[in-house]
Amino acid sequence: MEYLVIKWLHVLSSTVLFGTGIGTAFYLLVAVLSGDLRLTVGVSRWVVRADWLFTATTAVLQPVTGFWLIHLAGFPLSTKWVAWSIGLYALAIACWLPVVWLQVRMRDLAAQALNHHQELSDSFWRCFTAWFLLGIPALCAFLAIFWLMVAKPA
């Protein structure tokens, strides 16, 4: 029973982590590309909140439940799909950490532009480009992890 509960928590938290990541990225991308500064400010505020509330908590829960499952199932850490999953997760988190800072910076720069009746600054667009580019390896890493978790290739 313990294994099923931990597995359920692992699957549930991975769903929240991935779903929040995809959802917030989509809405921030669409808001910024819309050219509507008020929308960008509002969406970026909620994206930052969602990241702290959902992504941060599940990003911690994932390795805790993952290592617990590995222990309960008796898989060695040297098992290829386990090792690849851990490495890919580390890559995804390494991409996510600067994304958190970038989102906070983008939120603040967008609010500043709105308050001063200006367009988004070059600094905002540099942050946005970096944010977008960091999302690509993170997305690929998470998709690969899902495949590894389901397929458990030899």
Protein backbone atom coordinates (compact mmCIF):
# COMPACT_ATOMS: atom_id res chain seq x y z
CA MET A 1 0.00 0.00 0.00
CA GLU A 2 2.82 2.42 0.85
CA TYR A 3 4.28 2.04 -2.67
CA LEU A 4 0.93 2.89 -4.31
CA VAL A 5 0.44 5.99 -2.15
CA ILE A 6 3.95 7.26 -2.90
CA LYS A 7 3.51 6.46 -6.61
CA TRP A 8 0.18 8.32 -6.62
CA LEU A 9 1.84 11.36 -5.00
CA HIS A 10 4.69 11.15 -7.53
CA VAL A 11 2.35 10.98 -10.52
CA LEU A 12 0.06 13.68 -9.11
CA SER A 13 2.94 16.06 -8.37
CA SER A 14 4.49 15.44 -11.80
CA THR A 15 1.14 16.30 -13.36
CA VAL A 16 0.91 19.54 -11.38
CA LEU A 17 4.56 20.40 -12.12
CA PHE A 18 4.30 19.77 -15.85
CA GLY A 19 0.79 21.17 -16.21
CA THR A 20 1.60 24.37 -14.34
CA GLY A 21 4.80 24.77 -16.37
CA ILE A 22 3.06 24.31 -19.70
CA GLY A 23 0.04 26.38 -18.70
CA THR A 24 1.90 29.36 -17.28
CA ALA A 25 4.39 29.35 -20.15
CA PHE A 26 1.55 29.34 -22.67
CA TYR A 27 -0.33 32.18 -21.01
CA LEU A 28 2.76 34.33 -20.51
CA LEU A 29 3.86 33.73 -24.09
CA VAL A 30 0.43 34.64 -25.48
CA ALA A 31 0.11 37.67 -23.20
CA VAL A 32 3.50 39.07 -24.18
CA LEU A 33 3.01 38.42 -27.89
CA SER A 34 -0.44 40.05 -27.79
CA GLY A 35 1.23 43.43 -27.34
CA ASP A 36 -1.29 44.30 -24.62
CA LEU A 37 0.85 45.67 -21.80
CA ARG A 38 -1.93 45.54 -19.19
CA LEU A 39 -2.51 41.88 -20.03
CA THR A 40 1.22 41.15 -19.83
CA VAL A 41 1.43 42.78 -16.39
CA GLY A 42 -1.57 40.88 -15.06
CA VAL A 43 -0.57 37.51 -16.47
CA SER A 44 3.06 37.84 -15.38
CA ARG A 45 1.92 38.53 -11.80
CA TRP A 46 -0.15 35.36 -11.76
CA VAL A 47 2.58 33.32 -13.46
CA VAL A 48 5.06 34.27 -10.74
CA ARG A 49 2.53 33.35 -8.04
CA ALA A 50 1.69 30.03 -9.69
CA ASP A 51 5.35 29.18 -10.03
CA TRP A 52 5.98 29.71 -6.33
CA LEU A 53 2.79 27.97 -5.22
CA PHE A 54 2.69 24.97 -7.56
CA THR A 55 5.97 24.58 -9.43
CA ALA A 56 8.29 25.16 -6.49
CA THR A 57 6.44 22.80 -4.17
CA THR A 58 6.15 20.01 -6.70
CA ALA A 59 9.73 20.51 -7.89
CA VAL A 60 10.76 19.57 -4.34
CA LEU A 61 8.20 16.77 -4.00
CA GLN A 62 9.26 15.05 -7.23
CA PRO A 63 12.76 13.96 -6.18
CA VAL A 64 11.55 13.07 -2.66
CA THR A 65 8.84 10.74 -3.95
CA GLY A 66 11.03 9.56 -6.84
CA PHE A 67 13.91 8.46 -4.63
CA TRP A 68 11.43 6.90 -2.19
CA LEU A 69 9.90 4.88 -5.05
CA ILE A 70 13.34 3.81 -6.26
CA HIS A 71 14.12 2.62 -2.74
CA LEU A 72 10.80 0.79 -2.31
CA ALA A 73 11.06 -0.87 -5.74
CA GLY A 74 14.69 -1.85 -5.18
CA PHE A 75 16.06 -0.19 -8.32
CA PRO A 76 19.73 0.70 -8.15
CA LEU A 77 20.52 4.34 -8.97
CA SER A 78 22.80 3.00 -11.68
CA THR A 79 19.81 1.61 -13.61
CA LYS A 80 20.05 3.44 -16.94
CA TRP A 81 16.52 4.81 -17.10
CA VAL A 82 16.75 5.92 -13.46
CA ALA A 83 20.12 7.63 -14.00
CA TRP A 84 18.88 9.33 -17.18
CA SER A 85 15.72 10.49 -15.39
CA ILE A 86 17.74 12.00 -12.56
CA GLY A 87 20.09 13.73 -14.99
CA LEU A 88 17.24 15.09 -17.11
CA TYR A 89 15.43 16.29 -14.00
CA ALA A 90 18.59 18.12 -12.90
CA LEU A 91 18.76 19.72 -16.36
CA ALA A 92 15.11 20.80 -16.21
CA ILE A 93 15.53 22.31 -12.75
CA ALA A 94 18.76 24.02 -13.83
CA CYS A 95 16.71 25.67 -16.60
CA TRP A 96 13.80 26.48 -14.29
CA LEU A 97 15.79 28.29 -11.59
CA PRO A 98 16.85 31.17 -13.86
CA VAL A 99 13.36 31.16 -15.40
CA VAL A 100 11.92 32.02 -11.97
CA TRP A 101 14.22 35.04 -11.73
CA LEU A 102 13.47 36.01 -15.34
CA GLN A 103 9.71 35.87 -14.75
CA VAL A 104 10.02 38.08 -11.68
CA ARG A 105 12.18 40.51 -13.67
CA MET A 106 9.77 40.48 -16.62
CA ARG A 107 6.84 41.12 -14.26
CA ASP A 108 8.63 44.09 -12.70
CA LEU A 109 9.79 45.53 -16.04
CA ALA A 110 6.30 45.20 -17.53
CA ALA A 111 4.73 46.90 -14.49
CA GLN A 112 7.32 49.67 -14.70
CA ALA A 113 6.57 50.20 -18.39
CA LEU A 114 2.83 50.33 -17.69
CA ASN A 115 3.26 52.79 -14.81
CA HIS A 116 5.44 55.08 -16.93
CA HIS A 117 3.28 54.74 -20.07
CA GLN A 118 6.20 53.26 -22.02
CA GLU A 119 6.72 50.27 -24.28
CA LEU A 120 8.46 47.15 -23.04
CA SER A 121 12.18 47.81 -22.74
CA ASP A 122 15.05 46.03 -24.45
CA SER A 123 15.86 44.55 -21.05
CA PHE A 124 12.38 43.01 -20.94
CA TRP A 125 12.85 41.49 -24.41
CA ARG A 126 16.26 40.06 -23.46
CA CYS A 127 14.68 38.44 -20.40
CA PHE A 128 11.79 37.17 -22.51
CA THR A 129 14.15 35.64 -25.09
CA ALA A 130 16.22 33.92 -22.40
CA TRP A 131 13.01 32.72 -20.69
CA PHE A 132 11.72 31.26 -23.95
CA LEU A 133 15.02 29.60 -24.85
CA LEU A 134 15.41 28.03 -21.39
CA GLY A 135 11.94 26.55 -21.75
CA ILE A 136 12.96 24.43 -24.75
CA PRO A 137 15.47 22.11 -23.01
CA ALA A 138 13.28 22.01 -19.90
CA LEU A 139 10.25 20.90 -21.95
CA CYS A 140 12.31 18.29 -23.83
CA ALA A 141 13.77 17.01 -20.56
CA PHE A 142 10.35 16.60 -18.96
CA LEU A 143 8.93 14.85 -22.03
CA ALA A 144 11.88 12.44 -22.01
CA ILE A 145 11.43 11.80 -18.28
CA PHE A 146 7.76 10.94 -18.82
CA TRP A 147 8.77 8.48 -21.52
CA LEU A 148 11.45 6.92 -19.30
CA MET A 149 9.02 6.59 -16.39
CA VAL A 150 6.45 4.81 -18.55
CA ALA A 151 8.75 2.69 -20.74
CA LYS A 152 11.52 1.93 -18.21
CA PRO A 153 13.79 0.81 -21.08
CA ALA A 154 16.49 -1.74 -20.32
